[in-house]
Amino acid sequence: MPNIQKSSVGFLNKHQFWLFIIAAIIFIQIPIISVPFKWLESYFHEISHGLAALITGGSVVQIELFPNGAGLCTTRGGFTLLISFMGYAGAIMWGYLIYSIASINQKVAKIVTGLIIALIVCSLIFWVRDLLTLFILLVVLGIFFLQFKLPKLGYLQKLLKFTGIMVLLNSLLSPLYLLDGRSLGDGARLAEITFIPELIWVIIWSVMAILSLFTLSKRSKFPLR
């Protein structure tokens, strides 16, 4: 019996990344359960716009999130091209970093969770102006707060990895909604600035997400200790 338990644990650890992928794909198909994770990806998308504005000398006026997973970050000043690009690219980077950092060790996972909580709280204080966004961000905050309060750090580490995968998968799917012929959103904005077609920007973001997942799948075979 002990050998069976050890082999089961070994199998789960060996194939943990792909089990997270399967679980995330299932979660995305469930309407109610998947919604908070769409909000999570939307938040990382919008905060990436905001951080890009701040880094390039601009400012954030307001962040708005909507029930369908859409969002809007109103900025002033800064490098417009980078700000527009970093929405989808930033969400991909957040998902990748959350999973990667959670893979280092349990204490680091707890520190990262605390930093994300602090970022969300700052967003609530400085950039939220409406009740709907306030409610959505409180739900997003709750996701990380519940993880932070888990009694066993091992559970936190696994849930943080799952969260990273969910953000990445939603980041892979989200740019595809730009291909609706309406010429709205970040892709259309970048096309207007650079004269590079919106489709090319969607392909760039999709390739970034796929490469991020591919890299994580390779690294999962040689986990950090």
Protein backbone atom coordinates (compact mmCIF):
# COMPACT_ATOMS: atom_id res chain seq x y z
CA MET A 1 0.00 0.00 0.00
CA PRO A 2 2.76 2.55 0.81
CA ASN A 3 4.34 1.86 -2.60
CA ILE A 4 1.00 2.52 -4.32
CA GLN A 5 0.65 5.83 -2.47
CA LYS A 6 4.19 6.86 -3.35
CA SER A 7 3.68 5.99 -7.02
CA SER A 8 0.44 7.98 -7.07
CA VAL A 9 2.15 11.01 -5.54
CA GLY A 10 5.03 10.61 -7.97
CA PHE A 11 2.64 10.49 -10.93
CA LEU A 12 0.81 13.62 -9.76
CA ASN A 13 4.05 15.54 -9.24
CA LYS A 14 5.49 14.41 -12.58
CA HIS A 15 2.42 15.40 -14.58
CA GLN A 16 1.29 18.30 -12.40
CA PHE A 17 1.52 20.90 -15.18
CA TRP A 18 -0.69 18.92 -17.57
CA LEU A 19 -3.17 18.14 -14.81
CA PHE A 20 -3.43 21.89 -14.16
CA ILE A 21 -4.00 22.46 -17.90
CA ILE A 22 -6.80 19.87 -18.01
CA ALA A 23 -8.41 21.27 -14.86
CA ALA A 24 -8.18 24.83 -16.21
CA ILE A 25 -9.77 23.85 -19.53
CA ILE A 26 -12.63 22.22 -17.63
CA PHE A 27 -13.04 25.27 -15.37
CA ILE A 28 -13.17 27.62 -18.37
CA GLN A 29 -16.18 25.69 -19.69
CA ILE A 30 -18.18 26.12 -16.46
CA PRO A 31 -20.11 29.44 -16.69
CA ILE A 32 -20.30 30.53 -13.04
CA ILE A 33 -17.01 29.13 -11.77
CA SER A 34 -15.00 30.51 -14.70
CA VAL A 35 -16.23 34.10 -14.33
CA PRO A 36 -13.94 35.17 -11.42
CA PHE A 37 -10.92 33.87 -13.34
CA LYS A 38 -11.96 35.89 -16.39
CA TRP A 39 -12.12 38.90 -14.09
CA LEU A 40 -8.66 37.98 -12.85
CA GLU A 41 -7.22 37.96 -16.36
CA SER A 42 -9.07 41.20 -17.13
CA TYR A 43 -7.56 42.85 -14.05
CA PHE A 44 -4.02 41.82 -15.00
CA HIS A 45 -4.72 43.08 -18.53
CA GLU A 46 -5.85 46.50 -17.34
CA ILE A 47 -3.25 46.90 -14.61
CA SER A 48 -0.59 46.11 -17.23
CA HIS A 49 -1.86 49.04 -19.31
CA GLY A 50 -1.68 51.17 -16.18
CA LEU A 51 1.81 50.08 -15.15
CA ALA A 52 3.09 50.66 -18.70
CA ALA A 53 1.68 54.19 -18.51
CA LEU A 54 3.33 54.85 -15.14
CA ILE A 55 6.68 53.42 -16.24
CA THR A 56 6.73 55.61 -19.37
CA GLY A 57 5.90 58.81 -17.53
CA GLY A 58 2.11 58.80 -17.78
CA SER A 59 -0.61 58.34 -15.19
CA VAL A 60 -3.62 56.12 -14.56
CA VAL A 61 -6.95 57.91 -14.43
CA GLN A 62 -9.31 54.99 -13.83
CA ILE A 63 -9.64 51.21 -14.09
CA GLU A 64 -13.02 49.73 -14.98
CA LEU A 65 -13.97 46.04 -15.06
CA PHE A 66 -17.18 44.58 -16.45
CA PRO A 67 -19.11 41.34 -15.70
CA ASN A 68 -18.41 39.82 -19.14
CA GLY A 69 -14.64 39.91 -18.56
CA ALA A 70 -14.02 43.12 -20.49
CA GLY A 71 -12.25 46.08 -18.97
CA LEU A 72 -10.94 49.56 -19.56
CA CYS A 73 -7.89 51.37 -18.22
CA THR A 74 -7.97 55.10 -18.86
CA THR A 75 -4.48 56.60 -18.89
CA ARG A 76 -2.98 60.01 -19.53
CA GLY A 77 0.39 60.53 -21.18
CA GLY A 78 3.09 57.89 -21.48
CA PHE A 79 4.23 55.86 -24.50
CA THR A 80 0.97 54.99 -26.27
CA LEU A 81 2.32 52.09 -28.33
CA LEU A 82 3.73 50.28 -25.29
CA ILE A 83 0.64 51.02 -23.21
CA SER A 84 -1.64 49.52 -25.89
CA PHE A 85 0.59 46.48 -26.43
CA MET A 86 1.04 45.65 -22.75
CA GLY A 87 -2.62 44.79 -22.04
CA TYR A 88 -2.64 41.30 -23.53
CA ALA A 89 1.15 40.93 -23.31
CA GLY A 90 1.10 41.92 -19.64
CA ALA A 91 -1.62 39.42 -18.74
CA ILE A 92 0.45 36.68 -20.39
CA MET A 93 3.51 37.77 -18.44
CA TRP A 94 1.55 37.82 -15.17
CA GLY A 95 0.28 34.28 -15.74
CA TYR A 96 3.76 33.05 -16.62
CA LEU A 97 5.41 34.78 -13.66
CA ILE A 98 2.77 33.62 -11.15
CA TYR A 99 3.25 29.99 -12.17
CA SER A 100 7.04 30.25 -12.39
CA ILE A 101 7.53 31.99 -9.05
CA ALA A 102 5.11 29.61 -7.32
CA SER A 103 7.31 26.77 -8.58
CA ILE A 104 10.36 28.03 -6.68
CA ASN A 105 9.21 27.20 -3.15
CA GLN A 106 6.30 27.61 -0.75
CA LYS A 107 7.58 30.69 1.08
CA VAL A 108 8.16 32.55 -2.18
CA ALA A 109 4.60 31.64 -3.23
CA LYS A 110 3.30 33.27 -0.06
CA ILE A 111 5.36 36.42 -0.62
CA VAL A 112 4.14 36.73 -4.22
CA THR A 113 0.53 36.28 -3.12
CA GLY A 114 1.00 39.05 -0.56
CA LEU A 115 2.47 41.40 -3.19
CA ILE A 116 -0.43 40.75 -5.58
CA ILE A 117 -2.88 41.45 -2.76
CA ALA A 118 -1.08 44.74 -2.09
CA LEU A 119 -1.27 45.68 -5.79
CA ILE A 120 -5.02 44.98 -5.90
CA VAL A 121 -5.58 47.02 -2.74
CA CYS A 122 -3.64 49.94 -4.27
CA SER A 123 -5.79 49.65 -7.40
CA LEU A 124 -8.93 49.81 -5.26
CA ILE A 125 -7.73 52.88 -3.42
CA PHE A 126 -6.33 54.93 -6.30
CA TRP A 127 -8.00 53.90 -9.55
CA VAL A 128 -11.48 52.47 -8.92
CA ARG A 129 -14.34 54.95 -9.26
CA ASP A 130 -17.47 52.80 -9.68
CA LEU A 131 -19.29 50.19 -7.58
CA LEU A 132 -19.27 47.46 -10.24
CA THR A 133 -15.49 47.53 -10.57
CA LEU A 134 -15.22 47.70 -6.79
CA PHE A 135 -17.29 44.51 -6.47
CA ILE A 136 -15.33 42.66 -9.19
CA LEU A 137 -11.97 43.63 -7.71
CA LEU A 138 -13.11 42.56 -4.24
CA VAL A 139 -13.90 39.12 -5.71
CA VAL A 140 -10.46 39.02 -7.35
CA LEU A 141 -8.91 40.13 -4.06
CA GLY A 142 -10.82 37.35 -2.30
CA ILE A 143 -9.31 34.71 -4.61
CA PHE A 144 -5.79 35.65 -3.54
CA PHE A 145 -6.69 36.38 0.09
CA LEU A 146 -8.21 32.91 0.54
CA GLN A 147 -5.09 31.38 -0.97
CA PHE A 148 -2.90 33.50 1.31
CA LYS A 149 -4.79 32.26 4.40
CA LEU A 150 -4.43 28.57 3.57
CA PRO A 151 -3.00 26.72 6.57
CA LYS A 152 -0.64 24.61 4.45
CA LEU A 153 1.79 26.42 2.17
CA GLY A 154 1.83 23.42 -0.17
CA TYR A 155 -1.82 24.06 -1.03
CA LEU A 156 -1.04 27.73 -1.64
CA GLN A 157 1.75 26.80 -4.03
CA LYS A 158 -0.51 24.50 -6.07
CA LEU A 159 -3.42 26.95 -6.16
CA LEU A 160 -1.11 29.75 -7.23
CA LYS A 161 0.18 27.58 -10.07
CA PHE A 162 -3.39 26.81 -11.10
CA THR A 163 -4.21 30.52 -10.99
CA GLY A 164 -1.24 31.24 -13.26
CA ILE A 165 -2.42 28.62 -15.75
CA MET A 166 -5.95 30.03 -15.72
CA VAL A 167 -4.63 33.53 -16.41
CA LEU A 168 -2.46 32.21 -19.25
CA LEU A 169 -5.26 30.23 -20.90
CA ASN A 170 -7.64 33.18 -20.68
CA SER A 171 -4.85 35.36 -22.12
CA LEU A 172 -4.54 32.94 -25.02
CA LEU A 173 -8.26 33.09 -25.78
CA SER A 174 -8.94 36.79 -25.12
CA PRO A 175 -7.13 38.30 -28.17
CA LEU A 176 -9.22 36.12 -30.47
CA TYR A 177 -12.29 38.19 -29.57
CA LEU A 178 -10.66 41.13 -31.36
CA LEU A 179 -11.24 39.37 -34.67
CA ASP A 180 -14.87 40.43 -34.81
CA GLY A 181 -14.57 42.92 -37.66
CA ARG A 182 -15.45 45.91 -35.47
CA SER A 183 -11.92 47.40 -35.29
CA LEU A 184 -12.19 48.07 -31.58
CA GLY A 185 -9.71 47.41 -28.77
CA ASP A 186 -5.96 47.22 -28.37
CA GLY A 187 -5.32 45.53 -31.72
CA ALA A 188 -7.16 48.24 -33.64
CA ARG A 189 -5.38 50.93 -31.64
CA LEU A 190 -1.97 49.41 -32.44
CA ALA A 191 -2.94 49.06 -36.10
CA GLU A 192 -3.81 52.74 -36.14
CA ILE A 193 -0.48 53.71 -34.57
CA THR A 194 1.84 51.39 -36.50
CA PHE A 195 -0.11 50.56 -39.71
CA ILE A 196 0.49 46.90 -38.89
CA PRO A 197 -2.82 44.99 -39.33
CA GLU A 198 -4.75 44.03 -36.21
CA LEU A 199 -4.48 40.35 -37.16
CA ILE A 200 -0.69 40.50 -36.82
CA TRP A 201 -0.96 41.84 -33.27
CA VAL A 202 -3.44 39.10 -32.37
CA ILE A 203 -1.02 36.51 -33.76
CA ILE A 204 1.86 38.04 -31.75
CA TRP A 205 -0.13 37.85 -28.49
CA SER A 206 -1.32 34.31 -29.26
CA VAL A 207 2.23 33.14 -30.01
CA MET A 208 3.44 34.74 -26.77
CA ALA A 209 0.83 32.81 -24.78
CA ILE A 210 1.58 29.52 -26.56
CA LEU A 211 5.33 29.94 -26.07
CA SER A 212 4.79 30.73 -22.39
CA LEU A 213 2.76 27.54 -21.91
CA PHE A 214 5.32 25.54 -23.90
CA THR A 215 8.18 26.90 -21.79
CA LEU A 216 6.37 26.09 -18.55
CA SER A 217 5.65 22.57 -19.79
CA LYS A 218 9.35 22.04 -20.45
CA ARG A 219 10.39 23.53 -17.12
CA SER A 220 7.88 21.31 -15.30
CA LYS A 221 10.05 18.32 -16.26
CA PHE A 222 12.94 19.89 -14.38
CA PRO A 223 11.29 21.66 -11.42
CA LEU A 224 13.22 24.17 -9.36
CA ARG A 225 14.07 23.17 -5.79
